[in-house]
Amino acid sequence: MAWLRSNVLFTALPALLTTASFAGGLPRQEAVEPHMGTLVRLVFHARDATPARAAFDRIAALDRALSDYSPDSSLNHLCRAQSATLTGDLAAIIPQALSIARETKGAYDPTLAALTRHMPHPPALHGHRNLTLNGLDITLNGVCFDLG
């Protein structure tokens, strides 16, 4: 039993010291806001709510850009236009999503929106291989994105 207590202390001590030194004596705070169809809860150590406000603002910006639910999102604008030069968050996310699709041989395919949206007659054309990405210029050739 003494071994167990010393082992637990040895294992937990670095985490306790790291947490205490990382928090720097700052008060623990929590913040909750609705985003992306759920409640996002942040727990952090800070003097005020500035870190939470920054995090929530970034989550809202990502939702405005990447949501497949919001008709006004940048992602849905791209799906309707079927071609564009990627900018902002789309320029960061779309090439990475397509790279993961290639690496997983399609096990992850961000272009299956027609299937995931339960369309009564989804188009036969889907799959990440059906679009063209040249640098940041993209042509969707009938596919649309659902990132996930």
Protein backbone atom coordinates (compact mmCIF):
# COMPACT_ATOMS: atom_id res chain seq x y z
CA MET A 1 0.00 0.00 0.00
CA ALA A 2 2.89 2.37 0.75
CA TRP A 3 4.18 1.71 -2.79
CA LEU A 4 0.78 2.65 -4.23
CA ARG A 5 0.64 5.91 -2.25
CA SER A 6 4.16 6.93 -3.26
CA ASN A 7 3.49 5.91 -6.88
CA VAL A 8 0.28 7.96 -7.00
CA LEU A 9 2.07 10.94 -5.42
CA PHE A 10 5.00 10.56 -7.83
CA THR A 11 2.60 10.39 -10.78
CA ALA A 12 0.30 13.21 -9.66
CA LEU A 13 2.92 15.61 -8.30
CA PRO A 14 4.24 16.86 -11.69
CA ALA A 15 0.67 17.49 -12.86
CA LEU A 16 -0.17 19.35 -9.67
CA LEU A 17 2.98 21.45 -9.85
CA THR A 18 2.45 22.20 -13.54
CA THR A 19 -1.17 23.20 -12.97
CA ALA A 20 -0.29 25.39 -10.03
CA SER A 21 2.58 27.10 -11.82
CA PHE A 22 0.70 27.38 -15.11
CA ALA A 23 -2.29 29.02 -13.44
CA GLY A 24 0.09 31.44 -11.76
CA GLY A 25 -2.37 32.03 -8.95
CA LEU A 26 -4.98 33.33 -11.40
CA PRO A 27 -8.59 32.63 -10.52
CA ARG A 28 -10.36 29.71 -12.18
CA GLN A 29 -13.19 30.86 -14.39
CA GLU A 30 -15.87 29.23 -16.49
CA ALA A 31 -17.85 30.54 -19.42
CA VAL A 32 -20.61 28.92 -21.48
CA GLU A 33 -22.15 30.04 -24.77
CA PRO A 34 -24.22 28.35 -27.46
CA HIS A 35 -22.25 27.72 -30.66
CA MET A 36 -22.54 25.22 -33.52
CA GLY A 37 -25.77 23.76 -32.20
CA THR A 38 -24.42 22.94 -28.75
CA LEU A 39 -23.17 24.59 -25.59
CA VAL A 40 -19.44 25.31 -25.51
CA ARG A 41 -18.01 25.38 -22.00
CA LEU A 42 -14.59 26.86 -21.31
CA VAL A 43 -12.67 26.48 -18.07
CA PHE A 44 -9.59 28.66 -17.75
CA HIS A 45 -7.41 30.63 -15.35
CA ALA A 46 -7.27 34.37 -16.00
CA ARG A 47 -7.82 37.78 -14.43
CA ASP A 48 -10.94 38.36 -16.51
CA ALA A 49 -13.08 36.87 -19.27
CA THR A 50 -10.94 38.20 -22.15
CA PRO A 51 -9.59 34.74 -23.11
CA ALA A 52 -13.10 33.30 -23.19
CA ARG A 53 -14.40 36.18 -25.32
CA ALA A 54 -11.56 35.65 -27.80
CA ALA A 55 -12.21 31.90 -27.94
CA PHE A 56 -15.96 32.33 -28.40
CA ASP A 57 -15.43 34.96 -31.09
CA ARG A 58 -13.11 32.58 -32.96
CA ILE A 59 -15.61 29.71 -32.67
CA ALA A 60 -18.34 31.99 -34.07
CA ALA A 61 -16.07 33.01 -36.98
CA LEU A 62 -15.30 29.37 -37.79
CA ASP A 63 -19.01 28.57 -37.69
CA ARG A 64 -19.80 31.46 -40.07
CA ALA A 65 -17.15 30.20 -42.48
CA LEU A 66 -17.41 26.41 -42.25
CA SER A 67 -20.98 25.55 -41.27
CA ASP A 68 -22.85 23.28 -43.64
CA TYR A 69 -26.08 24.14 -41.77
CA SER A 70 -26.04 27.91 -42.28
CA PRO A 71 -27.05 28.91 -45.81
CA ASP A 72 -24.93 32.06 -45.47
CA SER A 73 -21.68 30.33 -44.52
CA SER A 74 -18.63 30.70 -46.77
CA LEU A 75 -18.70 26.93 -47.28
CA ASN A 76 -22.27 26.99 -48.58
CA HIS A 77 -21.53 29.99 -50.80
CA LEU A 78 -18.73 27.92 -52.33
CA CYS A 79 -21.05 24.95 -52.82
CA ARG A 80 -23.58 27.12 -54.64
CA ALA A 81 -20.95 28.89 -56.77
CA GLN A 82 -19.15 25.60 -57.56
CA SER A 83 -15.87 27.45 -58.18
CA ALA A 84 -13.87 30.11 -56.36
CA THR A 85 -10.47 31.13 -55.11
CA LEU A 86 -10.25 29.92 -51.52
CA THR A 87 -9.56 32.58 -48.90
CA GLY A 88 -9.49 32.82 -45.12
CA ASP A 89 -10.55 29.77 -43.17
CA LEU A 90 -11.65 27.93 -46.32
CA ALA A 91 -8.11 28.31 -47.70
CA ALA A 92 -6.75 26.74 -44.51
CA ILE A 93 -9.29 23.94 -44.12
CA ILE A 94 -10.27 22.69 -47.59
CA PRO A 95 -6.77 21.69 -48.79
CA GLN A 96 -6.13 19.99 -45.44
CA ALA A 97 -9.46 18.12 -45.60
CA LEU A 98 -8.67 16.95 -49.14
CA SER A 99 -5.21 15.84 -48.05
CA ILE A 100 -6.76 13.73 -45.27
CA ALA A 101 -9.21 12.26 -47.80
CA ARG A 102 -6.29 11.20 -50.03
CA GLU A 103 -4.26 9.84 -47.09
CA THR A 104 -7.22 7.78 -45.85
CA LYS A 105 -8.09 6.64 -49.39
CA GLY A 106 -11.53 8.19 -48.99
CA ALA A 107 -12.35 6.80 -45.53
CA TYR A 108 -12.75 10.46 -44.66
CA ASP A 109 -14.38 12.29 -47.55
CA PRO A 110 -15.38 15.92 -46.97
CA THR A 111 -17.41 16.01 -50.19
CA LEU A 112 -20.27 13.76 -49.15
CA ALA A 113 -22.66 16.60 -48.31
CA ALA A 114 -25.34 15.29 -50.68
CA LEU A 115 -25.39 12.03 -48.76
CA THR A 116 -25.13 13.48 -45.25
CA ARG A 117 -27.88 16.03 -45.88
CA HIS A 118 -30.37 13.24 -46.62
CA MET A 119 -31.38 14.63 -49.98
CA PRO A 120 -34.27 12.67 -51.50
CA HIS A 121 -32.28 12.12 -54.71
CA PRO A 122 -28.60 12.79 -54.02
CA PRO A 123 -26.52 13.36 -57.11
CA ALA A 124 -24.57 10.35 -58.27
CA LEU A 125 -21.45 12.47 -58.46
CA HIS A 126 -19.67 12.80 -55.16
CA GLY A 127 -16.23 12.14 -53.83
CA HIS A 128 -13.11 14.19 -53.35
CA ARG A 129 -11.59 12.93 -56.61
CA ASN A 130 -14.29 14.71 -58.64
CA LEU A 131 -13.18 18.24 -57.81
CA THR A 132 -10.23 20.25 -59.07
CA LEU A 133 -7.93 22.15 -56.73
CA ASN A 134 -5.14 24.16 -58.36
CA GLY A 135 -3.35 26.17 -55.72
CA LEU A 136 -6.27 27.92 -54.04
CA ASP A 137 -8.52 27.87 -57.11
CA ILE A 138 -11.19 25.21 -56.72
CA THR A 139 -13.88 23.81 -59.02
CA LEU A 140 -16.33 21.46 -57.35
CA ASN A 141 -17.77 19.73 -60.46
CA GLY A 142 -21.10 19.06 -58.77
CA VAL A 143 -19.86 18.00 -55.33
CA CYS A 144 -20.32 19.91 -52.09
CA PHE A 145 -18.62 19.91 -48.71
CA ASP A 146 -19.61 18.59 -45.31
CA LEU A 147 -16.46 18.90 -43.21
CA GLY A 148 -17.67 16.82 -40.55
